[in-house]
Amino acid sequence: MSDPAEVEHRRRAKRDLSRRGFLTTTAAGTTAMAADMGQINALQSEAVTKQLKQQGTRVILLWLAGGASQFETWDPKPGAKTGGPFQAIPTSANGVHISELLPELAQRMQHTAIIRSLNTKIADHGGGASLMETGRVRDPGLDFPDLGAVVARELGRLNSSVPDYVSLYTSTEGRRKGTSGVLGARYAPMFLSDNMIPLNLAQLESVTTVDHKDRAALRDVFAKKFSKNRNSAAVDSHMSAYQRVRGLMASEQLFNVENEPAEVRARYGPTQFGEQCLIARRLVEAGVPFVKVARAWWDSHGQNFETHQELCADLDHSMSVLLDDLSERGLLENTLVLTLGEFGRTPRINASLGRDHFANAWSCSLSGHGIRGGVAYGKTDPEGNTVVDGEASSADLFATVLQALGIDHEHEYMVGSRPIPMADFGASPISDVLA
């Protein structure tokens, strides 16, 4: 039986004037944005216009591995017995206060919406991370795709010469690589952990540039001759894979921050997280639909306050520079920046002056494309123990992100005869944070 994901993939590829079909016929082989949408005047229908707007849409996920404390970031409770030693400070959004550990982000809150009312219930690292990445509880009979794979499939390009999904990761819990699940290997992430520049993409020193081009041209001649009058999914898949490898080789330098001016590198700073944020900007600028950047060590069971002083400083600066850089380059209006971990931290401060795992009332943030900035949605009680207004699940957050990207969260993938909606059954986008 044919792979349902592959059948659906081919069906989508054949649609007239589909976003991918359009790009395939107009911009195959480019490493930058597929087309200047402002130059297109011939296609006036509302449906086509919507599809064209989606072409430049990108996502950067800033993953706070281990679970950051909502009290020391987005939902401070100064003066409460659970609040800890840090104060709340005003932001550029009227009436919205965040932790004093995020002073730079406080001045950029006009770009950002906070959700303070997540109740996701699962508070172990593996289960919590899987839940937040896929928007649903694990099913032993089905491997659900994560957000990156869904975005790669919906917003990627068939003939893209850059990756569809890149995961830059330094992990403390589980070395999670991400998964494309039932969507298949085509949408799996390029996972980089030990080296931020992909291995084995560089042209061999023993092969000259001229020889490399001649070999590619000769192969193209034979491939076209072989595929002529053959309508074969296997042949098409092989051809597509080869073209993507050639594209990935050409995109190798996107991962090298040494190609950026010294003043830009200095602006992001010398930390690994800052450098990865810079790589993420380079990748989305080149057309990569989804980039995941992880900042590890948030699992603060002991010395929570000292831990968050250090980590929040890195998050505050790196994310602020990223938002500024995206905005200055005209990319923020097309890029959604999501800041998230597997859960939050307990209101109770333990004997080691730490906070433990807590998934019943915690926070995340969304910035940029499709988001109504300057909003703090939902509310927890004065000590942060429970959600008292606007409770949201992982599925609701997943649906909200898809809605912000212009993707129908109720669209279903078919796995055999089983329908799998992009966001879990019953998910509702949080309209208050959507532009």
Foldseek 3Di string as FASTA:
>chain_A
DDQLLVVVLVVQCPDPLALQVVLVVQAFPAQFQSDDVVPDDPDDDPVSVLRPLLQLFAEEEAAAAQAAAQCQWQDAQPPDPLRPDWDWDAAPFPPGTTTPLQVLVSPVLQFKEKEFFEFAPDFDRVQLQQCLQQVDGDDVVWFGAGLQLVQLSRRPHLRHLAQQEEEEDDHDPDLDQGDNTSSDPNSGYNYDYPDLQDPPLEDDPVADPVNVVVVVVVVVVVLCVVCVVPDDPVSVVVVSVVSNSVSHSVCRCLSPCVPPDPVLDVQLHDDPQSSLLSSVVSNSRSRHRYYYGYDYDSNWLAPNVVVCSVVSNNVSRSVSSSCVVCVVVVNLQNYKYKYYYSAHFDSDQDPRRTTHTDRATGMIMIGGQQWRGSHYDFDAPSSRHHTDPDRAYSLQVSCQVCVSSVHHQQDWRQRPNDTDGSGHPPHHHDVVTGD
